[in-house]
């Protein structure tokens, strides 16, 4: 599979770290300026999807942390 081809299922299966690493590689590719226009557009589109994926993973992680904090607070209140 072409790494630059946009595939939502491929992106959805990435961990936060994998998506961030690929996003960093795309950023580096842009900085070199050696890409064709078509490839640059594909990279940009994939980068947008990777950014959204990373943001969603961060939201999910925050929800889990908030849930743990709430559960700990509830347990502390029950002990009092």
PDB file of N, CA and C in Angstrom:
ATOM      1  N   UNK A   1       0.845  -1.189   0.000  1.00  0.00           N
ATOM      2  CA  UNK A   1       0.000   0.000   0.000  1.00  0.00           C
ATOM      3  C   UNK A   1       0.882   1.240   0.000  1.00  0.00           C
ATOM      4  N   UNK A   2       0.491   2.207  -0.791  1.00  0.00           N
ATOM      5  CA  UNK A   2       1.211   3.477  -0.817  1.00  0.00           C
ATOM      6  C   UNK A   2       1.033   4.159   0.532  1.00  0.00           C
ATOM      7  N   UNK A   3       2.131   4.464   1.197  1.00  0.00           N
ATOM      8  CA  UNK A   3       2.091   5.048   2.543  1.00  0.00           C
ATOM      9  C   UNK A   3       1.388   6.399   2.563  1.00  0.00           C
ATOM     10  N   UNK A   4       1.403   7.109   1.414  1.00  0.00           N
ATOM     11  CA  UNK A   4       0.818   8.441   1.370  1.00  0.00           C
ATOM     12  C   UNK A   4      -0.656   8.421   0.974  1.00  0.00           C
ATOM     13  N   UNK A   5      -1.164   7.271   0.543  1.00  0.00           N
ATOM     14  CA  UNK A   5      -2.566   7.180   0.167  1.00  0.00           C
ATOM     15  C   UNK A   5      -3.421   7.257   1.431  1.00  0.00           C
ATOM     16  N   UNK A   6      -4.481   8.029   1.343  1.00  0.00           N
ATOM     17  CA  UNK A   6      -5.331   8.225   2.511  1.00  0.00           C
ATOM     18  C   UNK A   6      -6.190   6.989   2.720  1.00  0.00           C
ATOM     19  N   UNK A   7      -6.121   6.420   3.906  1.00  0.00           N
ATOM     20  CA  UNK A   7      -6.884   5.236   4.269  1.00  0.00           C
ATOM     21  C   UNK A   7      -7.305   5.398   5.727  1.00  0.00           C
ATOM     22  N   UNK A   8      -8.577   5.734   5.925  1.00  0.00           N
ATOM     23  CA  UNK A   8      -9.067   5.988   7.279  1.00  0.00           C
ATOM     24  C   UNK A   8      -8.905   4.782   8.188  1.00  0.00           C
ATOM     25  N   UNK A   9      -9.158   3.569   7.664  1.00  0.00           N
ATOM     26  CA  UNK A   9      -9.016   2.375   8.496  1.00  0.00           C
ATOM     27  C   UNK A   9      -7.576   2.201   8.950  1.00  0.00           C
ATOM     28  N   UNK A  10      -6.652   2.474   8.060  1.00  0.00           N
ATOM     29  CA  UNK A  10      -5.235   2.401   8.392  1.00  0.00           C
ATOM     30  C   UNK A  10      -4.916   3.372   9.527  1.00  0.00           C
ATOM     31  N   UNK A  11      -5.386   4.578   9.420  1.00  0.00           N
ATOM     32  CA  UNK A  11      -5.124   5.593  10.447  1.00  0.00           C
ATOM     33  C   UNK A  11      -5.817   5.232  11.753  1.00  0.00           C
ATOM     34  N   UNK A  12      -7.043   4.753  11.685  1.00  0.00           N
ATOM     35  CA  UNK A  12      -7.784   4.407  12.898  1.00  0.00           C
ATOM     36  C   UNK A  12      -7.123   3.288  13.690  1.00  0.00           C
ATOM     37  N   UNK A  13      -6.318   2.463  13.030  1.00  0.00           N
ATOM     38  CA  UNK A  13      -5.639   1.364  13.713  1.00  0.00           C
ATOM     39  C   UNK A  13      -4.306   1.776  14.324  1.00  0.00           C
ATOM     40  N   UNK A  14      -3.877   3.005  14.089  1.00  0.00           N
ATOM     41  CA  UNK A  14      -2.599   3.474  14.626  1.00  0.00           C
ATOM     42  C   UNK A  14      -2.734   3.871  16.090  1.00  0.00           C
ATOM     43  N   UNK A  15      -1.677   3.624  16.845  1.00  0.00           N
ATOM     44  CA  UNK A  15      -1.627   4.158  18.201  1.00  0.00           C
ATOM     45  C   UNK A  15      -1.338   5.651  18.109  1.00  0.00           C
ATOM     46  N   UNK A  16      -1.475   6.341  19.225  1.00  0.00           N
ATOM     47  CA  UNK A  16      -1.152   7.764  19.257  1.00  0.00           C
ATOM     48  C   UNK A  16       0.297   7.981  18.830  1.00  0.00           C
ATOM     49  N   UNK A  17       1.190   7.169  19.385  1.00  0.00           N
ATOM     50  CA  UNK A  17       2.616   7.336  19.102  1.00  0.00           C
ATOM     51  C   UNK A  17       2.939   7.078  17.627  1.00  0.00           C
ATOM     52  N   UNK A  18       2.313   6.064  17.041  1.00  0.00           N
ATOM     53  CA  UNK A  18       2.541   5.764  15.625  1.00  0.00           C
ATOM     54  C   UNK A  18       2.045   6.900  14.736  1.00  0.00           C
ATOM     55  N   UNK A  19       0.857   7.406  15.055  1.00  0.00           N
ATOM     56  CA  UNK A  19       0.287   8.503  14.268  1.00  0.00           C
ATOM     57  C   UNK A  19       1.142   9.759  14.399  1.00  0.00           C
ATOM     58  N   UNK A  20       1.596  10.043  15.598  1.00  0.00           N
ATOM     59  CA  UNK A  20       2.437  11.219  15.823  1.00  0.00           C
ATOM     60  C   UNK A  20       3.764  11.087  15.078  1.00  0.00           C
ATOM     61  N   UNK A  21       4.342   9.895  15.098  1.00  0.00           N
ATOM     62  CA  UNK A  21       5.601   9.666  14.381  1.00  0.00           C
ATOM     63  C   UNK A  21       5.417   9.887  12.878  1.00  0.00           C
ATOM     64  N   UNK A  22       4.319   9.369  12.330  1.00  0.00           N
ATOM     65  CA  UNK A  22       4.068   9.567  10.903  1.00  0.00           C
ATOM     66  C   UNK A  22       3.822  11.041  10.591  1.00  0.00           C
ATOM     67  N   UNK A  23       3.118  11.719  11.478  1.00  0.00           N
ATOM     68  CA  UNK A  23       2.870  13.153  11.297  1.00  0.00           C
ATOM     69  C   UNK A  23       4.187  13.933  11.305  1.00  0.00           C
ATOM     70  N   UNK A  24       5.101  13.544  12.171  1.00  0.00           N
ATOM     71  CA  UNK A  24       6.418  14.187  12.205  1.00  0.00           C
ATOM     72  C   UNK A  24       7.189  13.933  10.910  1.00  0.00           C
ATOM     73  N   UNK A  25       7.076  12.722  10.359  1.00  0.00           N
ATOM     74  CA  UNK A  25       7.742  12.410   9.087  1.00  0.00           C
ATOM     75  C   UNK A  25       7.163  13.256   7.955  1.00  0.00           C
ATOM     76  N   UNK A  26       5.843  13.423   7.967  1.00  0.00           N
ATOM     77  CA  UNK A  26       5.196  14.250   6.941  1.00  0.00           C
ATOM     78  C   UNK A  26       5.684  15.689   7.055  1.00  0.00           C
ATOM     79  N   UNK A  27       5.774  16.185   8.274  1.00  0.00           N
ATOM     80  CA  UNK A  27       6.270  17.545   8.498  1.00  0.00           C
ATOM     81  C   UNK A  27       7.692  17.688   7.959  1.00  0.00           C
ATOM     82  N   UNK A  28       8.514  16.696   8.223  1.00  0.00           N
ATOM     83  CA  UNK A  28       9.892  16.728   7.714  1.00  0.00           C
ATOM     84  C   UNK A  28       9.916  16.706   6.194  1.00  0.00           C
ATOM     85  N   UNK A  29       9.032  15.913   5.577  1.00  0.00           N
ATOM     86  CA  UNK A  29       8.951  15.875   4.114  1.00  0.00           C
ATOM     87  C   UNK A  29       8.599  17.250   3.556  1.00  0.00           C
ATOM     88  N   UNK A  30       7.676  17.938   4.216  1.00  0.00           N
ATOM     89  CA  UNK A  30       7.303  19.285   3.772  1.00  0.00           C
ATOM     90  C   UNK A  30       8.475  20.251   3.900  1.00  0.00           C
ATOM     91  N   UNK A  31       9.216  20.116   4.978  1.00  0.00           N
ATOM     92  CA  UNK A  31      10.332  21.031   5.218  1.00  0.00           C
ATOM     93  C   UNK A  31      11.439  20.878   4.185  1.00  0.00           C
ATOM     94  N   UNK A  32      11.611  19.677   3.632  1.00  0.00           N
ATOM     95  CA  UNK A  32      12.648  19.483   2.610  1.00  0.00           C
ATOM     96  C   UNK A  32      12.234  20.105   1.295  1.00  0.00           C
ATOM     97  N   UNK A  33      10.923  20.191   1.036  1.00  0.00           N
ATOM     98  CA  UNK A  33      10.417  20.817  -0.178  1.00  0.00           C
ATOM     99  C   UNK A  33      10.727  20.060  -1.453  1.00  0.00           C
ATOM    100  N   UNK A  34      11.068  18.785  -1.338  1.00  0.00           N
ATOM    101  CA  UNK A  34      11.447  17.999  -2.508  1.00  0.00           C
ATOM    102  C   UNK A  34      10.294  17.174  -3.071  1.00  0.00           C
ATOM    103  N   UNK A  35       9.113  17.347  -2.573  1.00  0.00           N
ATOM    104  CA  UNK A  35       7.962  16.550  -2.983  1.00  0.00           C
ATOM    105  C   UNK A  35       7.282  17.157  -4.207  1.00  0.00           C
ATOM    106  N   UNK A  36       6.635  16.293  -4.991  1.00  0.00           N
ATOM    107  CA  UNK A  36       5.824  16.796  -6.101  1.00  0.00           C
ATOM    108  C   UNK A  36       4.562  17.427  -5.532  1.00  0.00           C
ATOM    109  N   UNK A  37       3.884  18.207  -6.329  1.00  0.00           N
ATOM    110  CA  UNK A  37       2.654  18.856  -5.877  1.00  0.00           C
ATOM    111  C   UNK A  37       1.610  17.818  -5.486  1.00  0.00           C
ATOM    112  N   UNK A  38       1.434  16.809  -6.327  1.00  0.00           N
ATOM    113  CA  UNK A  38       0.438  15.770  -6.038  1.00  0.00           C
ATOM    114  C   UNK A  38       0.761  15.045  -4.738  1.00  0.00           C
ATOM    115  N   UNK A  39       2.020  14.703  -4.559  1.00  0.00           N
ATOM    116  CA  UNK A  39       2.425  14.029  -3.333  1.00  0.00           C
ATOM    117  C   UNK A  39       2.258  14.948  -2.128  1.00  0.00           C
ATOM    118  N   UNK A  40       2.561  16.221  -2.287  1.00  0.00           N
ATOM    119  CA  UNK A  40       2.408  17.179  -1.191  1.00  0.00           C
ATOM    120  C   UNK A  40       0.948  17.289  -0.765  1.00  0.00           C
ATOM    121  N   UNK A  41       0.038  17.284  -1.742  1.00  0.00           N
ATOM    122  CA  UNK A  41      -1.393  17.347  -1.422  1.00  0.00           C
ATOM    123  C   UNK A  41      -1.811  16.087  -0.671  1.00  0.00           C
ATOM    124  N   UNK A  42      -1.338  14.926  -1.135  1.00  0.00           N
ATOM    125  CA  UNK A  42      -1.656  13.670  -0.447  1.00  0.00           C
ATOM    126  C   UNK A  42      -1.102  13.656   0.971  1.00  0.00           C
ATOM    127  N   UNK A  43       0.127  14.129   1.115  1.00  0.00           N
ATOM    128  CA  UNK A  43       0.733  14.196   2.443  1.00  0.00           C
ATOM    129  C   UNK A  43      -0.043  15.140   3.357  1.00  0.00           C
ATOM    130  N   UNK A  44      -0.448  16.280   2.816  1.00  0.00           N
ATOM    131  CA  UNK A  44      -1.209  17.249   3.608  1.00  0.00           C
ATOM    132  C   UNK A  44      -2.521  16.626   4.088  1.00  0.00           C
ATOM    133  N   UNK A  45      -3.236  15.979   3.162  1.00  0.00           N
ATOM    134  CA  UNK A  45      -4.518  15.362   3.522  1.00  0.00           C
ATOM    135  C   UNK A  45      -4.332  14.281   4.582  1.00  0.00           C
ATOM    136  N   UNK A  46      -3.311  13.464   4.413  1.00  0.00           N
ATOM    137  CA  UNK A  46      -3.044  12.420   5.408  1.00  0.00           C
ATOM    138  C   UNK A  46      -2.658  13.063   6.740  1.00  0.00           C
ATOM    139  N   UNK A  47      -1.887  14.126   6.683  1.00  0.00           N
ATOM    140  CA  UNK A  47      -1.502  14.825   7.904  1.00  0.00           C
ATOM    141  C   UNK A  47      -2.698  15.365   8.668  1.00  0.00           C
ATOM    142  N   UNK A  48      -3.673  15.884   7.941  1.00  0.00           N
ATOM    143  CA  UNK A  48      -4.897  16.385   8.584  1.00  0.00           C
ATOM    144  C   UNK A  48      -5.612  15.241   9.304  1.00  0.00           C
ATOM    145  N   UNK A  49      -5.713  14.098   8.640  1.00  0.00           N
ATOM    146  CA  UNK A  49      -6.373  12.945   9.255  1.00  0.00           C
ATOM    147  C   UNK A  49      -5.586  12.423  10.457  1.00  0.00           C
ATOM    148  N   UNK A  50      -4.276  12.420  10.345  1.00  0.00           N
ATOM    149  CA  UNK A  50      -3.443  11.984  11.470  1.00  0.00           C
ATOM    150  C   UNK A  50      -3.585  12.930  12.655  1.00  0.00           C
ATOM    151  N   UNK A  51      -3.647  14.227  12.386  1.00  0.00           N
ATOM    152  CA  UNK A  51      -3.825  15.228  13.450  1.00  0.00           C
ATOM    153  C   UNK A  51      -5.148  14.995  14.170  1.00  0.00           C
ATOM    154  N   UNK A  52      -6.210  14.780  13.407  1.00  0.00           N
ATOM    155  CA  UNK A  52      -7.524  14.525  14.014  1.00  0.00           C
ATOM    156  C   UNK A  52      -7.492  13.251  14.852  1.00  0.00           C
ATOM    157  N   UNK A  53      -6.810  12.233  14.341  1.00  0.00           N
ATOM    158  CA  UNK A  53      -6.698  10.969  15.067  1.00  0.00           C
ATOM    159  C   UNK A  53      -5.966  11.176  16.395  1.00  0.00           C
ATOM    160  N   UNK A  54      -4.867  11.916  16.358  1.00  0.00           N
ATOM    161  CA  UNK A  54      -4.109  12.195  17.581  1.00  0.00           C
ATOM    162  C   UNK A  54      -4.951  12.985  18.581  1.00  0.00           C
ATOM    163  N   UNK A  55      -5.680  13.968  18.086  1.00  0.00           N
ATOM    164  CA  UNK A  55      -6.545  14.760  18.967  1.00  0.00           C
ATOM    165  C   UNK A  55      -7.598  13.874  19.619  1.00  0.00           C
ATOM    166  N   UNK A  56      -8.183  12.949  18.854  1.00  0.00           N
ATOM    167  CA  UNK A  56      -9.201  12.049  19.393  1.00  0.00           C
ATOM    168  C   UNK A  56      -8.599  11.127  20.454  1.00  0.00           C
ATOM    169  N   UNK A  57      -7.404  10.635  20.196  1.00  0.00           N
ATOM    170  CA  UNK A  57      -6.726   9.775  21.179  1.00  0.00           C
ATOM    171  C   UNK A  57      -6.460  10.543  22.474  1.00  0.00           C
ATOM    172  N   UNK A  58      -6.079  11.810  22.366  1.00  0.00           N
ATOM    173  CA  UNK A  58      -5.842  12.627  23.559  1.00  0.00           C
ATOM    174  C   UNK A  58      -7.134  12.865  24.333  1.00  0.00           C
ATOM    175  N   UNK A  59      -8.232  13.096  23.621  1.00  0.00           N
ATOM    176  CA  UNK A  59      -9.534  13.281  24.269  1.00  0.00           C
ATOM    177  C   UNK A  59      -9.925  12.016  25.027  1.00  0.00           C
ATOM    178  N   UNK A  60      -9.731  10.859  24.388  1.00  0.00           N
ATOM    179  CA  UNK A  60     -10.053   9.583  25.033  1.00  0.00           C
ATOM    180  C   UNK A  60      -9.196   9.364  26.279  1.00  0.00           C
ATOM    181  N   UNK A  61      -7.918   9.689  26.192  1.00  0.00           N
ATOM    182  CA  UNK A  61      -7.025   9.527  27.339  1.00  0.00           C
ATOM    183  C   UNK A  61      -7.446  10.444  28.483  1.00  0.00           C
ATOM    184  N   UNK A  62      -7.823  11.677  28.161  1.00  0.00           N
ATOM    185  CA  UNK A  62      -8.266  12.619  29.193  1.00  0.00           C
ATOM    186  C   UNK A  62      -9.528  12.116  29.880  1.00  0.00           C
ATOM    187  N   UNK A  63     -10.456  11.560  29.103  1.00  0.00           N
ATOM    188  CA  UNK A  63     -11.683  11.017  29.688  1.00  0.00           C
ATOM    189  C   UNK A  63     -11.367   9.889  30.662  1.00  0.00           C
ATOM    190  N   UNK A  64     -10.428   9.019  30.285  1.00  0.00           N
ATOM    191  CA  UNK A  64     -10.046   7.913  31.168  1.00  0.00           C
ATOM    192  C   UNK A  64      -9.413   8.433  32.452  1.00  0.00           C
ATOM    193  N   UNK A  65      -8.552   9.435  32.322  1.00  0.00           N
ATOM    194  CA  UNK A  65      -7.907  10.020  33.501  1.00  0.00           C
ATOM    195  C   UNK A  65      -8.945  10.676  34.399  1.00  0.00           C
ATOM    196  N   UNK A  66      -9.866  11.427  33.806  1.00  0.00           N
ATOM    197  CA  UNK A  66     -10.926  12.075  34.586  1.00  0.00           C
ATOM    198  C   UNK A  66     -11.774  11.040  35.309  1.00  0.00           C
ATOM    199  N   UNK A  67     -12.041   9.924  34.637  1.00  0.00           N
ATOM    200  CA  UNK A  67     -12.851   8.858  35.228  1.00  0.00           C
ATOM    201  C   UNK A  67     -12.134   8.239  36.432  1.00  0.00           C
ATOM    202  N   UNK A  68     -10.845   7.992  36.295  1.00  0.00           N
ATOM    203  CA  UNK A  68     -10.063   7.432  37.397  1.00  0.00           C
ATOM    204  C   UNK A  68     -10.039   8.409  38.566  1.00  0.00           C
ATOM    205  N   UNK A  69      -9.838   9.684  38.284  1.00  0.00           N
ATOM    206  CA  UNK A  69      -9.815  10.686  39.349  1.00  0.00           C
ATOM    207  C   UNK A  69     -11.160  10.755  40.060  1.00  0.00           C
ATOM    208  N   UNK A  70     -12.237  10.673  39.298  1.00  0.00           N
ATOM    209  CA  UNK A  70     -13.571  10.712  39.892  1.00  0.00           C
ATOM    210  C   UNK A  70     -13.804   9.488  40.769  1.00  0.00           C
ATOM    211  N   UNK A  71     -13.388   8.318  40.291  1.00  0.00           N
ATOM    212  CA  UNK A  71     -13.537   7.093  41.082  1.00  0.00           C
ATOM    213  C   UNK A  71     -12.723   7.162  42.363  1.00  0.00           C
ATOM    214  N   UNK A  72     -11.512   7.702  42.283  1.00  0.00           N
ATOM    215  CA  UNK A  72     -10.679   7.844  43.477  1.00  0.00           C
ATOM    216  C   UNK A  72     -11.305   8.808  44.469  1.00  0.00           C
ATOM    217  N   UNK A  73     -11.879   9.879  43.953  1.00  0.00           N
ATOM    218  CA  UNK A  73     -12.529  10.862  44.818  1.00  0.00           C
ATOM    219  C   UNK A  73     -13.733  10.224  45.520  1.00  0.00           C
ATOM    220  N   UNK A  74     -14.512   9.439  44.778  1.00  0.00           N
ATOM    221  CA  UNK A  74     -15.668   8.752  45.359  1.00  0.00           C
ATOM    222  C   UNK A  74     -15.236   7.780  46.452  1.00  0.00           C
ATOM    223  N   UNK A  75     -14.159   7.051  46.224  1.00  0.00           N
ATOM    224  CA  UNK A  75     -13.666   6.103  47.221  1.00  0.00           C
ATOM    225  C   UNK A  75     -13.177   6.825  48.466  1.00  0.00           C
ATOM    226  N   UNK A  76     -12.533   7.961  48.297  1.00  0.00           N
ATOM    227  CA  UNK A  76     -12.064   8.741  49.441  1.00  0.00           C
ATOM    228  C   UNK A  76     -13.242   9.265  50.249  1.00  0.00           C
ATOM    229  N   UNK A  77     -14.297   9.694  49.570  1.00  0.00           N
ATOM    230  CA  UNK A  77     -15.481  10.207  50.261  1.00  0.00           C
ATOM    231  C   UNK A  77     -16.192   9.103  51.028  1.00  0.00           C
ATOM    232  N   UNK A  78     -16.173   7.880  50.519  1.00  0.00           N
ATOM    233  CA  UNK A  78     -16.812   6.755  51.207  1.00  0.00           C
ATOM    234  C   UNK A  78     -16.057   6.386  52.477  1.00  0.00           C
ATOM    235  N   UNK A  79     -14.741   6.610  52.494  1.00  0.00           N
ATOM    236  CA  UNK A  79     -13.916   6.282  53.656  1.00  0.00           C
ATOM    237  C   UNK A  79     -14.155   7.253  54.803  1.00  0.00           C
ATOM    238  N   UNK A  80     -14.620   8.450  54.493  1.00  0.00           N
ATOM    239  CA  UNK A  80     -14.790   9.489  55.521  1.00  0.00           C
ATOM    240  C   UNK A  80     -16.022   9.284  56.330  1.00  0.00           C
TER     241      UNK A  80
END
